[in-house]
Amino acid sequence: MVKKIAVLGAILFLLSGCKDENLSQIGGYYQGELVNEVGESQQITTSIPNLEDLSEDQFTKIEITPTLATAIPKVIWLRYQDGSILIRSANTDERVTPLIIKNNCASGNSANISVELCWNASRLSLKFTSKDSMNVLSAIYLSKDDNLLPPLGKQRNASIYTLDELLGRAKFLNYSVSQEAERVYQAKKQVTVAVGNLLPHFNTRDALAYATGGPFGLIETVGDFLPFLFPSNWFKWAEAGHLANAERKSFASLRGNEMNAVENLFYLVQRDQNVFSILETHIEWLKKIHSAIEVKEENAGIAKGSADLFSTVIVELAQDLEQLRFLLTQEFASISHAVALPPITGISGLALVVIPDLALVNPIDPKNIYIEAQAKSYEVAALEYLVKASRNGISERIFGFLDPTSDKNLGFGYPASIQIGKSRVAELQKRKNEIFSLVEKRSVDVASDFNASLRAYNLGSAGLKSSQAYLGRLLRELQSGDEILDRPEFLNLMIETSRKVLRFKSNLVSAQYSFMIAKSKLDRLLLSGYYQNLEAGIPQLKISGKR
């Protein structure tokens, strides 16, 4: 019995061993700042693996991504080897630098650069320092804090943002994206659990079986000691990997959708700002006309009461202006919340975007875009991984009864459980066909919106040109003191024409920003523009073989 206990103790020691007790469990998604040699800061985000999970066979790629939609990630490679961490990056001229672990830090030298990596349960820092000048060449400070970081270099009470900055925050720091990122991390950890189940593991049941049954008891626990012998465990591993990849594709899709919602809201806000400016300018112009009408009325050059009638138009437009001001306040709060900024003080203004000359833009045909959209669809890719996972689930069920430690039995329910798995695969295939159809419909909708905005712009341009010409003629008649000014219909005609000018100007602006919204939806559909790298910072998983 003593010998058996000694054997059990040795097994427990081997199975519970790890690379280094100081390599904390810090894996997850981080936010922080990247500071360059002159002290300039840039907001960044990244996914960090558990340091004790670093591979001894190959380097692990870590992408440090600035929170801009168009940003190119900075890459750092890490690897664990013989009690030290190997690092490779552009800061070390891509040379491999060994870092010796001591407590919660690892440090080393590469040519004339010293490298220091430190961590705890919620923070991580990485510094590259010149040994000659002792100046910090580059430093990364990361935090696992759930509270989203404030934007660097922005005055909280006077923040004007570019579209790139806001889409970057929507891509990495949006509330929904941050929550979904945790689910991706959980799915990735499920793969680690599945891999762990392929390796020898041990529990008290195994100890009792061996202690009481000897070699025969050990046979009963062979599924724990040698789990890789049973095909069902390999299928479980493959299934977990495919599910994690499906979660990753779904995450990228969510990112794209959240970014597109923010981009559309950005254009709506700028549209309303432009309409506000047009309305404000138009009111000031009407006030000048009102003053001229008052003079004409005093000199009996126009019908009595004309000035009062004209002033009602100004008051009506002033009311519209106030309603638009209220709407803009709500829109700024909405877009601030959408990118995880304080709704009251988060955004005070938006940097203008360049709008192309729509007269030079050609319409698009949905037949030319839907096939590419289907091929690039993250939703389709996610379903394909789910189909693979379901097929592996069937195989795991087929071979599960071979593992003595499995709860799968070879009984009357065995064929039915396999048929259920096959039915689930068929269901997912049908869902995939539905998504193909939905993507094709989206292509039609986007093309319709795109082309409609072009037609609206052309009509608005023609209408504005005609109404402005006619209003100019009426103004010349007002200034000339023509006899027709005594007719009541003249003032009504001038009021109606001025309203048409205002309406066509507003419609023209609306058409321009409707085009920008349609273009953003087209980019999202084809994964172009700001949507080219939606998987940035998401853990990549590779599943070996054809399972």
Protein backbone atom coordinates (compact mmCIF):
# COMPACT_ATOMS: atom_id res chain seq x y z
CA MET A 1 0.00 0.00 0.00
CA VAL A 2 2.86 2.39 0.87
CA LYS A 3 4.41 1.70 -2.52
CA LYS A 4 1.11 2.45 -4.24
CA ILE A 5 0.76 5.73 -2.37
CA ALA A 6 4.31 6.66 -3.37
CA VAL A 7 3.51 5.93 -7.01
CA LEU A 8 0.36 8.04 -6.76
CA GLY A 9 2.37 10.89 -5.24
CA ALA A 10 4.86 10.74 -8.10
CA ILE A 11 2.04 10.80 -10.64
CA LEU A 12 0.42 13.79 -8.95
CA PHE A 13 3.76 15.63 -8.95
CA LEU A 14 4.31 15.02 -12.66
CA LEU A 15 0.76 15.95 -13.63
CA SER A 16 0.64 19.12 -11.55
CA GLY A 17 4.03 20.47 -12.64
CA CYS A 18 4.19 23.75 -14.56
CA LYS A 19 6.81 25.87 -16.28
CA ASP A 20 7.20 28.51 -13.60
CA GLU A 21 5.04 29.32 -10.61
CA ASN A 22 5.63 33.06 -11.18
CA LEU A 23 4.02 33.04 -14.63
CA SER A 24 0.64 34.38 -13.56
CA GLN A 25 -2.64 33.55 -15.18
CA ILE A 26 -3.08 36.87 -16.97
CA GLY A 27 -4.45 35.83 -20.35
CA GLY A 28 -7.18 38.03 -21.77
CA TYR A 29 -7.92 41.27 -23.59
CA TYR A 30 -6.03 44.40 -22.57
CA GLN A 31 -6.11 48.13 -23.22
CA GLY A 32 -3.36 50.62 -22.63
CA GLU A 33 -0.89 52.94 -24.27
CA LEU A 34 2.15 52.75 -26.48
CA VAL A 35 4.72 55.46 -25.68
CA ASN A 36 7.45 56.28 -28.20
CA GLU A 37 10.93 57.74 -27.70
CA VAL A 38 9.73 61.37 -27.53
CA GLY A 39 6.96 60.60 -25.06
CA GLU A 40 4.03 60.57 -27.50
CA SER A 41 1.24 58.21 -26.43
CA GLN A 42 -1.09 56.14 -28.55
CA GLN A 43 -4.06 54.16 -27.29
CA ILE A 44 -3.74 50.43 -28.00
CA THR A 45 -5.51 47.14 -27.42
CA THR A 46 -4.32 43.54 -27.59
CA SER A 47 -4.96 39.93 -26.63
CA ILE A 48 -2.37 38.40 -24.29
CA PRO A 49 -2.06 34.63 -23.75
CA ASN A 50 -1.31 33.16 -20.35
CA LEU A 51 2.45 33.47 -20.04
CA GLU A 52 2.62 29.90 -18.75
CA ASP A 53 0.82 28.76 -21.91
CA LEU A 54 3.57 30.02 -24.21
CA SER A 55 4.75 27.29 -26.56
CA GLU A 56 8.23 25.80 -26.18
CA ASP A 57 8.18 24.67 -29.80
CA GLN A 58 7.31 27.88 -31.64
CA PHE A 59 6.83 31.61 -31.14
CA THR A 60 3.41 32.97 -30.16
CA LYS A 61 2.33 36.01 -32.16
CA ILE A 62 0.94 39.00 -30.21
CA GLU A 63 -0.57 41.93 -32.11
CA ILE A 64 -0.47 45.37 -30.46
CA THR A 65 -3.15 47.35 -32.29
CA PRO A 66 -3.73 51.13 -32.07
CA THR A 67 -7.42 51.96 -31.64
CA LEU A 68 -7.82 53.27 -35.17
CA ALA A 69 -9.89 51.43 -37.76
CA THR A 70 -7.10 51.70 -40.35
CA ALA A 71 -4.20 50.97 -37.97
CA ILE A 72 -1.64 48.29 -38.79
CA PRO A 73 -0.86 46.13 -35.74
CA LYS A 74 2.64 46.05 -34.27
CA VAL A 75 3.77 42.45 -33.81
CA ILE A 76 5.70 40.96 -30.90
CA TRP A 77 6.70 37.29 -30.77
CA LEU A 78 7.06 35.41 -27.47
CA ARG A 79 8.27 31.90 -26.68
CA TYR A 80 9.04 29.99 -23.48
CA GLN A 81 12.28 28.00 -23.37
CA ASP A 82 14.24 26.47 -20.48
CA GLY A 83 13.00 28.81 -17.77
CA SER A 84 13.23 31.97 -19.84
CA ILE A 85 11.05 33.91 -22.27
CA LEU A 86 12.32 34.57 -25.79
CA ILE A 87 11.14 37.80 -27.42
CA ARG A 88 11.44 39.05 -30.98
CA SER A 89 10.18 42.41 -32.30
CA ALA A 90 11.06 45.36 -34.52
CA ASN A 91 12.58 47.06 -31.45
CA THR A 92 15.23 44.31 -31.30
CA ASP A 93 15.72 44.35 -35.08
CA GLU A 94 13.83 41.03 -35.14
CA ARG A 95 16.67 39.39 -33.21
CA VAL A 96 15.66 36.76 -30.66
CA THR A 97 16.36 38.05 -27.16
CA PRO A 98 16.23 35.71 -24.13
CA LEU A 99 14.62 37.22 -21.01
CA ILE A 100 15.53 35.64 -17.67
CA ILE A 101 12.53 35.26 -15.35
CA LYS A 102 12.84 36.61 -11.82
CA ASN A 103 9.72 36.96 -9.68
CA ASN A 104 7.12 38.73 -11.88
CA CYS A 105 9.59 40.19 -14.38
CA ALA A 106 11.78 38.93 -17.19
CA SER A 107 14.73 40.93 -18.53
CA GLY A 108 17.57 40.60 -21.00
CA ASN A 109 19.73 42.40 -23.56
CA SER A 110 19.87 42.50 -27.34
CA ALA A 111 22.90 44.32 -28.78
CA ASN A 112 22.61 47.84 -27.32
CA ILE A 113 18.98 47.48 -26.18
CA SER A 114 17.76 46.17 -22.84
CA VAL A 115 14.31 44.59 -22.63
CA GLU A 116 12.13 44.27 -19.53
CA LEU A 117 8.78 42.48 -19.35
CA CYS A 118 6.80 42.70 -16.08
CA TRP A 119 3.33 41.47 -15.15
CA ASN A 120 0.84 40.79 -12.40
CA ALA A 121 -2.75 39.56 -12.34
CA SER A 122 -4.14 42.63 -14.12
CA ARG A 123 -1.27 44.62 -15.64
CA LEU A 124 1.60 44.10 -18.03
CA SER A 125 4.43 46.37 -19.16
CA LEU A 126 7.14 45.99 -21.78
CA LYS A 127 10.06 48.43 -22.10
CA PHE A 128 12.84 48.73 -24.66
CA THR A 129 15.68 50.92 -23.32
CA SER A 130 18.88 52.12 -25.01
CA LYS A 131 21.90 50.94 -23.01
CA ASP A 132 23.94 53.86 -24.37
CA SER A 133 21.62 56.77 -23.54
CA MET A 134 19.42 54.96 -20.99
CA ASN A 135 16.42 56.50 -22.78
CA VAL A 136 13.25 54.45 -23.15
CA LEU A 137 12.88 53.82 -26.90
CA SER A 138 9.44 52.30 -26.67
CA ALA A 139 7.15 51.26 -23.83
CA ILE A 140 3.86 49.41 -23.65
CA TYR A 141 1.61 49.73 -20.60
CA LEU A 142 -1.42 47.45 -20.55
CA SER A 143 -4.29 47.06 -18.12
CA LYS A 144 -6.92 44.36 -17.80
CA ASP A 145 -9.29 46.84 -16.14
CA ASP A 146 -12.92 46.36 -17.20
CA ASN A 147 -13.40 50.15 -17.22
CA LEU A 148 -12.74 51.44 -20.72
CA LEU A 149 -9.80 53.81 -20.86
CA PRO A 150 -10.37 57.48 -21.71
CA PRO A 151 -8.95 58.53 -25.08
CA LEU A 152 -5.34 59.65 -24.88
CA GLY A 153 -4.53 63.25 -25.75
CA LYS A 154 -8.20 64.30 -25.80
CA GLN A 155 -9.72 67.05 -23.68
CA ARG A 156 -12.82 65.46 -22.17
CA ASN A 157 -14.78 68.72 -22.48
CA ALA A 158 -13.64 69.59 -25.99
CA SER A 159 -13.16 66.41 -28.00
CA ILE A 160 -13.30 66.54 -31.78
CA TYR A 161 -12.96 63.09 -33.34
CA THR A 162 -12.14 61.83 -36.79
CA LEU A 163 -14.10 58.99 -38.37
CA ASP A 164 -11.02 56.76 -38.14
CA GLU A 165 -10.76 57.35 -34.38
CA LEU A 166 -14.42 56.63 -33.72
CA LEU A 167 -14.44 53.48 -35.85
CA GLY A 168 -11.28 52.36 -34.06
CA ARG A 169 -13.07 52.69 -30.73
CA ALA A 170 -16.10 50.87 -32.14
CA LYS A 171 -13.78 48.13 -33.36
CA PHE A 172 -11.91 47.56 -30.11
CA LEU A 173 -13.62 49.37 -27.21
CA ASN A 174 -17.34 49.28 -27.95
CA TYR A 175 -19.35 47.80 -25.04
CA SER A 176 -20.87 44.97 -27.12
CA VAL A 177 -17.50 44.18 -28.72
CA SER A 178 -15.79 44.07 -25.31
CA GLN A 179 -18.41 41.65 -23.98
CA GLU A 180 -18.18 39.41 -27.04
CA ALA A 181 -14.38 39.42 -26.73
CA GLU A 182 -14.77 37.65 -23.40
CA ARG A 183 -16.81 34.92 -25.10
CA VAL A 184 -14.09 34.47 -27.73
CA TYR A 185 -11.55 34.17 -24.93
CA GLN A 186 -13.74 31.58 -23.19
CA ALA A 187 -14.04 29.60 -26.43
CA LYS A 188 -10.27 29.66 -26.85
CA LYS A 189 -9.86 28.35 -23.30
CA GLN A 190 -12.25 25.49 -24.13
CA VAL A 191 -9.72 24.36 -26.73
CA THR A 192 -7.05 24.37 -24.01
CA VAL A 193 -9.37 22.26 -21.84
CA ALA A 194 -9.90 19.82 -24.72
CA VAL A 195 -6.14 19.57 -25.30
CA GLY A 196 -5.69 18.98 -21.57
CA ASN A 197 -8.15 16.10 -21.78
CA LEU A 198 -5.89 14.48 -24.39
CA LEU A 199 -3.02 14.49 -21.90
CA PRO A 200 -2.79 12.28 -18.81
CA HIS A 201 -4.93 13.58 -15.96
CA PHE A 202 -5.78 12.30 -12.52
CA ASN A 203 -8.52 12.48 -9.89
CA THR A 204 -9.44 10.82 -6.59
CA ARG A 205 -11.55 8.20 -8.36
CA ASP A 206 -8.44 7.04 -10.21
CA ALA A 207 -6.48 6.97 -6.94
CA LEU A 208 -9.11 4.82 -5.24
CA ALA A 209 -9.38 2.49 -8.25
CA TYR A 210 -5.62 1.92 -8.28
CA ALA A 211 -5.31 1.62 -4.48
CA THR A 212 -8.15 -0.89 -4.17
CA GLY A 213 -7.95 -2.75 -7.45
CA GLY A 214 -4.26 -2.79 -8.26
CA PRO A 215 -3.41 -3.30 -11.94
CA PHE A 216 -7.02 -4.21 -12.74
CA GLY A 217 -8.17 -0.98 -11.14
CA LEU A 218 -5.64 0.88 -13.24
CA ILE A 219 -7.16 -0.61 -16.38
CA GLU A 220 -10.46 0.99 -15.42
CA THR A 221 -8.81 4.41 -15.38
CA VAL A 222 -6.83 4.06 -18.60
CA GLY A 223 -9.09 6.72 -20.14
CA ASP A 224 -7.58 9.25 -17.71
CA PHE A 225 -3.99 8.05 -17.79
CA LEU A 226 -3.85 7.50 -21.57
CA PRO A 227 -6.78 9.51 -23.00
CA PHE A 228 -5.06 10.07 -26.35
CA LEU A 229 -5.58 6.38 -27.14
CA PHE A 230 -9.31 6.95 -27.66
CA PRO A 231 -10.51 8.65 -30.87
CA SER A 232 -13.48 10.28 -29.13
CA ASN A 233 -11.11 12.59 -27.23
CA TRP A 234 -9.46 13.72 -30.46
CA PHE A 235 -12.87 14.50 -31.92
CA LYS A 236 -13.72 16.51 -28.78
CA TRP A 237 -10.55 18.55 -29.28
CA ALA A 238 -11.35 19.18 -32.94
CA GLU A 239 -14.95 20.08 -32.07
CA ALA A 240 -13.81 22.62 -29.45
CA GLY A 241 -11.42 24.15 -31.97
CA HIS A 242 -14.10 24.53 -34.64
CA LEU A 243 -16.50 26.05 -32.11
CA ALA A 244 -13.81 28.54 -31.07
CA ASN A 245 -13.21 29.48 -34.70
CA ALA A 246 -16.96 29.91 -35.21
CA GLU A 247 -16.99 32.24 -32.19
CA ARG A 248 -14.05 34.15 -33.69
CA LYS A 249 -15.85 34.64 -37.01
CA SER A 250 -19.02 35.71 -35.21
CA PHE A 251 -16.96 38.19 -33.21
CA ALA A 252 -15.49 39.67 -36.40
CA SER A 253 -19.02 39.97 -37.82
CA LEU A 254 -20.21 41.75 -34.67
CA ARG A 255 -17.25 44.11 -34.89
CA GLY A 256 -18.12 44.98 -38.47
CA ASN A 257 -21.78 45.57 -37.62
CA GLU A 258 -20.96 47.80 -34.64
CA MET A 259 -18.46 49.78 -36.73
CA ASN A 260 -20.99 50.20 -39.52
CA ALA A 261 -23.62 51.45 -37.10
CA VAL A 262 -21.16 54.05 -35.79
CA GLU A 263 -20.12 55.07 -39.31
CA ASN A 264 -23.76 55.51 -40.34
CA LEU A 265 -24.46 57.56 -37.20
CA PHE A 266 -21.37 59.66 -37.93
CA TYR A 267 -22.77 60.57 -41.37
CA LEU A 268 -26.23 61.26 -39.95
CA VAL A 269 -24.76 63.67 -37.40
CA GLN A 270 -22.73 65.45 -40.07
CA ARG A 271 -25.79 65.61 -42.32
CA ASP A 272 -27.84 67.22 -39.56
CA GLN A 273 -24.99 69.60 -38.75
CA ASN A 274 -24.91 70.69 -42.39
CA VAL A 275 -28.69 71.10 -42.49
CA PHE A 276 -28.47 73.10 -39.26
CA SER A 277 -25.89 75.39 -40.84
CA ILE A 278 -28.00 75.79 -44.00
CA LEU A 279 -31.09 76.57 -41.94
CA GLU A 280 -29.21 79.05 -39.75
CA THR A 281 -27.79 80.85 -42.80
CA HIS A 282 -31.19 80.86 -44.49
CA ILE A 283 -32.83 82.44 -41.44
CA GLU A 284 -30.22 85.21 -41.39
CA TRP A 285 -30.84 85.82 -45.10
CA LEU A 286 -34.61 85.94 -44.52
CA LYS A 287 -34.11 88.51 -41.77
CA LYS A 288 -32.39 90.78 -44.26
CA ILE A 289 -35.27 90.33 -46.72
CA HIS A 290 -37.69 91.03 -43.88
CA SER A 291 -35.94 94.34 -43.18
CA ALA A 292 -36.23 95.29 -46.86
CA ILE A 293 -39.94 94.39 -46.84
CA GLU A 294 -40.47 96.57 -43.75
CA VAL A 295 -38.94 99.52 -45.58
CA LYS A 296 -41.11 98.87 -48.64
CA GLU A 297 -44.21 98.62 -46.44
CA GLU A 298 -43.43 101.93 -44.70
CA ASN A 299 -43.08 103.61 -48.09
CA ALA A 300 -46.32 102.03 -49.34
CA GLY A 301 -44.31 100.06 -51.85
CA ILE A 302 -45.85 96.79 -50.74
CA ALA A 303 -49.13 95.64 -49.19
CA LYS A 304 -49.70 96.32 -45.49
CA GLY A 305 -49.04 93.34 -43.23
CA SER A 306 -46.42 91.88 -45.59
CA ALA A 307 -43.64 92.22 -43.00
CA ASP A 308 -45.72 90.44 -40.34
CA LEU A 309 -46.56 87.61 -42.73
CA PHE A 310 -42.92 87.22 -43.67
CA SER A 311 -41.84 87.21 -40.02
CA THR A 312 -44.05 84.17 -39.32
CA VAL A 313 -41.94 82.23 -41.81
CA ILE A 314 -38.79 83.20 -39.91
CA VAL A 315 -40.32 82.14 -36.59
CA GLU A 316 -41.38 78.77 -38.01
CA LEU A 317 -37.86 78.12 -39.28
CA ALA A 318 -36.40 79.21 -35.94
CA GLN A 319 -38.56 76.57 -34.25
CA ASP A 320 -37.28 73.97 -36.72
CA LEU A 321 -33.74 75.09 -35.89
CA GLU A 322 -34.29 74.51 -32.17
CA GLN A 323 -35.74 71.05 -32.81
CA LEU A 324 -32.70 70.22 -34.92
CA ARG A 325 -30.41 71.51 -32.16
CA PHE A 326 -32.15 69.15 -29.71
CA LEU A 327 -31.80 66.25 -32.15
CA LEU A 328 -28.07 66.90 -32.55
CA THR A 329 -27.61 66.82 -28.78
CA GLN A 330 -29.24 63.38 -28.70
CA GLU A 331 -27.20 62.18 -31.68
CA PHE A 332 -23.91 63.23 -30.08
CA ALA A 333 -24.89 61.38 -26.90
CA SER A 334 -25.78 58.28 -28.94
CA ILE A 335 -22.54 58.19 -30.91
CA SER A 336 -20.53 58.81 -27.71
CA HIS A 337 -22.20 55.85 -26.02
CA ALA A 338 -21.69 53.69 -29.12
CA VAL A 339 -17.91 54.14 -28.85
CA ALA A 340 -17.74 53.89 -25.04
CA LEU A 341 -17.29 57.60 -24.34
CA PRO A 342 -19.21 59.71 -21.79
CA PRO A 343 -22.51 60.73 -23.47
CA ILE A 344 -22.37 64.27 -22.05
CA THR A 345 -18.71 65.24 -22.39
CA GLY A 346 -17.40 62.54 -24.73
CA ILE A 347 -17.70 64.21 -28.14
CA SER A 348 -18.06 67.89 -28.88
CA GLY A 349 -17.47 67.79 -32.62
CA LEU A 350 -16.72 65.61 -35.64
CA ALA A 351 -13.95 66.19 -38.15
CA LEU A 352 -15.33 66.71 -41.64
CA VAL A 353 -15.08 63.92 -44.20
CA VAL A 354 -14.52 64.45 -47.90
CA ILE A 355 -17.59 63.68 -50.01
CA PRO A 356 -16.93 62.82 -53.67
CA ASP A 357 -18.64 64.61 -56.53
CA LEU A 358 -21.68 62.37 -56.96
CA ALA A 359 -22.16 63.62 -60.51
CA LEU A 360 -19.06 61.57 -61.40
CA VAL A 361 -20.09 58.38 -59.55
CA ASN A 362 -21.54 55.49 -61.56
CA PRO A 363 -24.42 53.31 -60.29
CA ILE A 364 -23.71 49.72 -59.23
CA ASP A 365 -25.34 46.41 -60.16
CA PRO A 366 -26.06 43.92 -57.33
CA LYS A 367 -25.23 41.09 -59.72
CA ASN A 368 -21.62 42.27 -59.64
CA ILE A 369 -21.22 42.24 -55.87
CA TYR A 370 -23.30 39.48 -54.26
CA ILE A 371 -20.99 36.57 -55.15
CA GLU A 372 -17.98 38.36 -53.63
CA ALA A 373 -20.09 39.28 -50.60
CA GLN A 374 -21.10 35.64 -50.07
CA ALA A 375 -17.49 34.48 -50.34
CA LYS A 376 -16.34 37.02 -47.74
CA SER A 377 -19.27 36.68 -45.33
CA TYR A 378 -18.19 36.06 -41.73
CA GLU A 379 -21.65 34.68 -41.02
CA VAL A 380 -21.17 31.98 -43.66
CA ALA A 381 -17.69 31.19 -42.35
CA ALA A 382 -19.03 30.83 -38.80
CA LEU A 383 -21.70 28.39 -39.97
CA GLU A 384 -19.10 26.35 -41.85
CA TYR A 385 -17.13 25.93 -38.61
CA LEU A 386 -20.33 24.99 -36.77
CA VAL A 387 -21.00 22.30 -39.39
CA LYS A 388 -17.47 20.93 -38.88
CA ALA A 389 -17.95 20.98 -35.11
CA SER A 390 -21.26 19.12 -35.42
CA ARG A 391 -19.68 16.45 -37.62
CA ASN A 392 -16.93 15.97 -35.05
CA GLY A 393 -19.63 15.74 -32.39
CA ILE A 394 -21.17 12.84 -34.32
CA SER A 395 -17.80 11.08 -34.55
CA GLU A 396 -17.18 11.66 -30.85
CA ARG A 397 -20.55 10.04 -30.11
CA ILE A 398 -19.81 7.07 -32.38
CA PHE A 399 -16.49 6.24 -30.69
CA GLY A 400 -17.26 7.52 -27.19
CA PHE A 401 -18.29 4.11 -25.80
CA LEU A 402 -14.71 2.82 -26.32
CA ASP A 403 -13.40 5.06 -23.52
CA PRO A 404 -13.95 3.38 -20.12
CA THR A 405 -14.20 6.80 -18.42
CA SER A 406 -16.76 8.15 -20.89
CA ASP A 407 -20.46 8.46 -20.09
CA LYS A 408 -21.32 7.34 -23.65
CA ASN A 409 -22.96 3.90 -23.77
CA LEU A 410 -23.62 1.39 -26.52
CA GLY A 411 -27.34 0.84 -26.01
CA PHE A 412 -30.78 1.25 -27.57
CA GLY A 413 -30.39 5.05 -27.68
CA TYR A 414 -27.05 4.83 -29.52
CA PRO A 415 -28.42 4.96 -33.13
CA ALA A 416 -30.93 7.70 -32.26
CA SER A 417 -28.26 9.95 -30.73
CA ILE A 418 -26.20 9.64 -33.93
CA GLN A 419 -29.25 10.49 -36.06
CA ILE A 420 -29.88 13.57 -33.91
CA GLY A 421 -26.33 14.72 -34.62
CA LYS A 422 -26.80 14.23 -38.36
CA SER A 423 -30.07 16.17 -38.22
CA ARG A 424 -28.25 19.07 -36.55
CA VAL A 425 -25.72 19.10 -39.38
CA ALA A 426 -28.55 19.20 -41.93
CA GLU A 427 -30.18 22.05 -40.00
CA LEU A 428 -26.95 24.07 -40.09
CA GLN A 429 -26.58 23.43 -43.84
CA LYS A 430 -30.08 24.83 -44.39
CA ARG A 431 -29.22 27.82 -42.22
CA LYS A 432 -26.13 28.36 -44.38
CA ASN A 433 -28.30 28.42 -47.51
CA GLU A 434 -30.54 30.97 -45.80
CA ILE A 435 -27.52 33.18 -45.05
CA PHE A 436 -26.44 32.97 -48.70
CA SER A 437 -29.88 34.23 -49.71
CA LEU A 438 -29.78 36.95 -47.05
CA VAL A 439 -26.40 38.20 -48.28
CA GLU A 440 -27.77 38.34 -51.83
CA LYS A 441 -30.75 40.37 -50.57
CA ARG A 442 -28.40 42.72 -48.72
CA SER A 443 -26.54 43.25 -51.98
CA VAL A 444 -29.79 44.28 -53.65
CA ASP A 445 -30.67 46.63 -50.76
CA VAL A 446 -27.24 48.26 -50.73
CA ALA A 447 -27.21 48.74 -54.50
CA SER A 448 -30.72 50.23 -54.37
CA ASP A 449 -29.72 52.73 -51.66
CA PHE A 450 -26.49 53.56 -53.48
CA ASN A 451 -28.21 54.23 -56.81
CA ALA A 452 -31.17 56.05 -55.21
CA SER A 453 -28.79 58.52 -53.55
CA LEU A 454 -27.21 59.30 -56.93
CA ARG A 455 -30.62 59.95 -58.50
CA ALA A 456 -31.68 62.08 -55.52
CA TYR A 457 -28.50 64.13 -55.84
CA ASN A 458 -29.04 64.80 -59.54
CA LEU A 459 -32.68 65.77 -58.99
CA GLY A 460 -31.77 67.95 -56.03
CA SER A 461 -29.08 69.74 -58.04
CA ALA A 462 -31.51 70.49 -60.87
CA GLY A 463 -34.27 71.61 -58.48
CA LEU A 464 -31.91 73.88 -56.52
CA LYS A 465 -30.62 75.52 -59.68
CA SER A 466 -34.16 76.27 -60.97
CA SER A 467 -35.57 77.48 -57.64
CA GLN A 468 -32.58 79.73 -56.96
CA ALA A 469 -32.93 81.29 -60.42
CA TYR A 470 -36.64 81.97 -59.88
CA LEU A 471 -36.06 83.36 -56.38
CA GLY A 472 -33.41 85.68 -57.79
CA ARG A 473 -35.92 87.02 -60.27
CA LEU A 474 -38.45 87.70 -57.48
CA LEU A 475 -35.82 89.51 -55.42
CA ARG A 476 -34.94 91.74 -58.34
CA GLU A 477 -38.61 92.62 -58.70
CA LEU A 478 -38.77 93.42 -54.97
CA GLN A 479 -35.83 95.78 -55.32
CA SER A 480 -37.18 97.44 -58.48
CA GLY A 481 -40.49 98.46 -56.89
CA ASP A 482 -42.58 96.89 -59.66
CA GLU A 483 -46.36 97.35 -59.51
CA ILE A 484 -46.91 93.65 -58.96
CA LEU A 485 -45.58 94.04 -55.41
CA ASP A 486 -49.02 95.27 -54.39
CA ARG A 487 -50.51 91.90 -55.25
CA PRO A 488 -50.78 89.57 -52.19
CA GLU A 489 -49.78 86.55 -54.24
CA PHE A 490 -46.30 88.04 -54.84
CA LEU A 491 -45.24 87.70 -51.21
CA ASN A 492 -46.75 84.20 -50.98
CA LEU A 493 -44.87 83.26 -54.12
CA MET A 494 -41.60 84.55 -52.71
CA ILE A 495 -42.15 82.72 -49.41
CA GLU A 496 -42.96 79.45 -51.20
CA THR A 497 -39.96 79.79 -53.51
CA SER A 498 -37.60 80.46 -50.59
CA ARG A 499 -38.94 77.32 -48.93
CA LYS A 500 -38.23 75.34 -52.09
CA VAL A 501 -34.66 76.64 -52.15
CA LEU A 502 -34.21 75.57 -48.53
CA ARG A 503 -35.78 72.16 -49.19
CA PHE A 504 -33.61 71.48 -52.25
CA LYS A 505 -30.46 72.50 -50.36
CA SER A 506 -31.38 70.14 -47.52
CA ASN A 507 -32.26 67.35 -49.95
CA LEU A 508 -28.93 67.80 -51.70
CA VAL A 509 -27.05 67.41 -48.42
CA SER A 510 -29.21 64.41 -47.47
CA ALA A 511 -28.46 62.76 -50.81
CA GLN A 512 -24.71 63.22 -50.28
CA TYR A 513 -24.74 61.62 -46.84
CA SER A 514 -27.19 58.91 -47.95
CA PHE A 515 -24.56 58.03 -50.52
CA MET A 516 -21.87 57.88 -47.82
CA ILE A 517 -24.09 55.59 -45.72
CA ALA A 518 -24.77 53.32 -48.70
CA LYS A 519 -21.04 53.28 -49.51
CA SER A 520 -20.25 52.29 -45.91
CA LYS A 521 -22.74 49.41 -46.13
CA LEU A 522 -21.14 48.32 -49.39
CA ASP A 523 -17.70 48.38 -47.75
CA ARG A 524 -19.04 46.31 -44.84
CA LEU A 525 -20.57 43.80 -47.23
CA LEU A 526 -17.36 43.42 -49.25
CA LEU A 527 -15.00 43.85 -46.26
CA SER A 528 -13.26 46.82 -47.88
CA GLY A 529 -12.21 50.23 -46.59
CA TYR A 530 -12.40 50.37 -42.80
CA TYR A 531 -13.62 46.75 -42.70
CA GLN A 532 -10.58 45.01 -44.19
CA ASN A 533 -9.13 43.58 -40.98
CA LEU A 534 -11.99 42.80 -38.63
CA GLU A 535 -10.13 39.85 -37.10
CA ALA A 536 -7.31 42.05 -35.77
CA GLY A 537 -6.30 40.97 -32.29
CA ILE A 538 -8.57 37.91 -32.26
CA PRO A 539 -6.81 34.63 -31.32
CA GLN A 540 -6.15 32.47 -34.38
CA LEU A 541 -6.74 28.74 -33.97
CA LYS A 542 -5.53 25.97 -36.24
CA ILE A 543 -7.08 22.52 -36.13
CA SER A 544 -4.85 19.80 -37.53
CA GLY A 545 -6.02 17.12 -39.87
CA LYS A 546 -9.40 16.72 -41.58
CA ARG A 547 -11.42 16.17 -38.43
